[in-house]
Amino acid sequence: MSTAPDSTPRCITETDADGVVTVTLDNGRLNLLTGEAAAIYTQTLRELAYDTGIRLLVLRGGPAAFLGGADIKFLKDAGKRDIDTYIRGVFGLCEQIRDLPFPTMSVMCGYCLGAGMEVAAMCDIKIASHDAQLGMPEVKLGVPSVIHAAMLPGMIGWGRTRDLLLSGRMIGARQACDWGLVTDVAPEGGLEPRVDEWKREMLTGAPVAMRIQKDLIRRWERMPTQEAIAIGIDGLVSAYGTSEPREYMEHFLSARKRA
C-alpha cells in the first residue's frame, strides 16, 4: 500500500512467436492497484482468455513495485460503498487470473504488497528478484487482509499466514520462497535469464495438455478428493482426442534413443 498514483493505469501487452504473452501492469512509479487499474487489468486479461494461441502469460509490474497495493489516501477517505466497489474489483482481477485457461507466471521486483501480493500469488509460477519485498500490511492501516488472503493457509500454512497477516510485516524474497509463497528467486542481476529459463521450461509441455491440466487444478480446488480423482480420468481421456500424446511420446522416445 502506498500514496497516490502519478499516471493513468495501462496494460502493455507483448506476444512472441512461441505463444508467450507478457502483460506489464503500469500505473506510475508506485504502481498502485486502484479501482480504475483493477478494471483495466481485468478487462485486458479477460480478452486474452479467448486467445487459443497463448501458451503462457507472464505478468509483470514496475521496477520499484510489482504492485504497490491500494492507494492509502483513497482508503482513508472511502465510505462503505466505495470500499465495497473497490474490493470487489480487486476480487474480480484475482479471479480472472485464476480462471485463465493457460499457465501464468508473475515476475516480482521491488515491493509486492497487500492486494498487489494477492495478484502475484494467484499466478501458477511466481518468480521474484533477489531484493523483492512481500507483505500484507493491512492491519497496520486499521483494516483486515481479505479476499484471496484466504488462500494463504493452503500455500504457506496457518502459522505463517498468522505471522504475515497479524504482524503486517514485510518479508524478503528468499524467505517467501522458503515458505512456499514464491516459486523461485533470481540471483542479483539474473532476473531476466531466470525468467527466460522458466519460459523455456513451461513451453516444454504440450499446449492442449497444459490447458487440460490447468483446468483440472482449478476444479480440484473446489472438490472433495474422491470427486477430484474421478474427473482426472475424464481429463486424461480427453487428451487422447488430440495428436499430442503420440507426438510428444514419440519425441521423448527418440530423444532417449539418441542419449
Foldseek 3Di string as FASTA:
>chain_A
DEADFDAQWAWDWDADPLQEIEIETEGHDQQECWLNSLVRLLVVLVVVLPDLSHAEYEYAYDQAWRHNYHHLVCVVPDDPVRVVSRVVSLLSSLVSQLPRLHAYEYETHHEQEQSSLSSRQSGPAYEYEQFYKYAYQVVVSPDFRDDSLVCVCVQQNDVVSCVRGVVRDIDTPVVCCVRRSHVYYAYVVGRVVVVVVVVVVSSLDDRVLRSLVSVLVSVVVVDDPVVSVVVVVVSVVVVVVDCVVVVSVVVVVVVVVVD
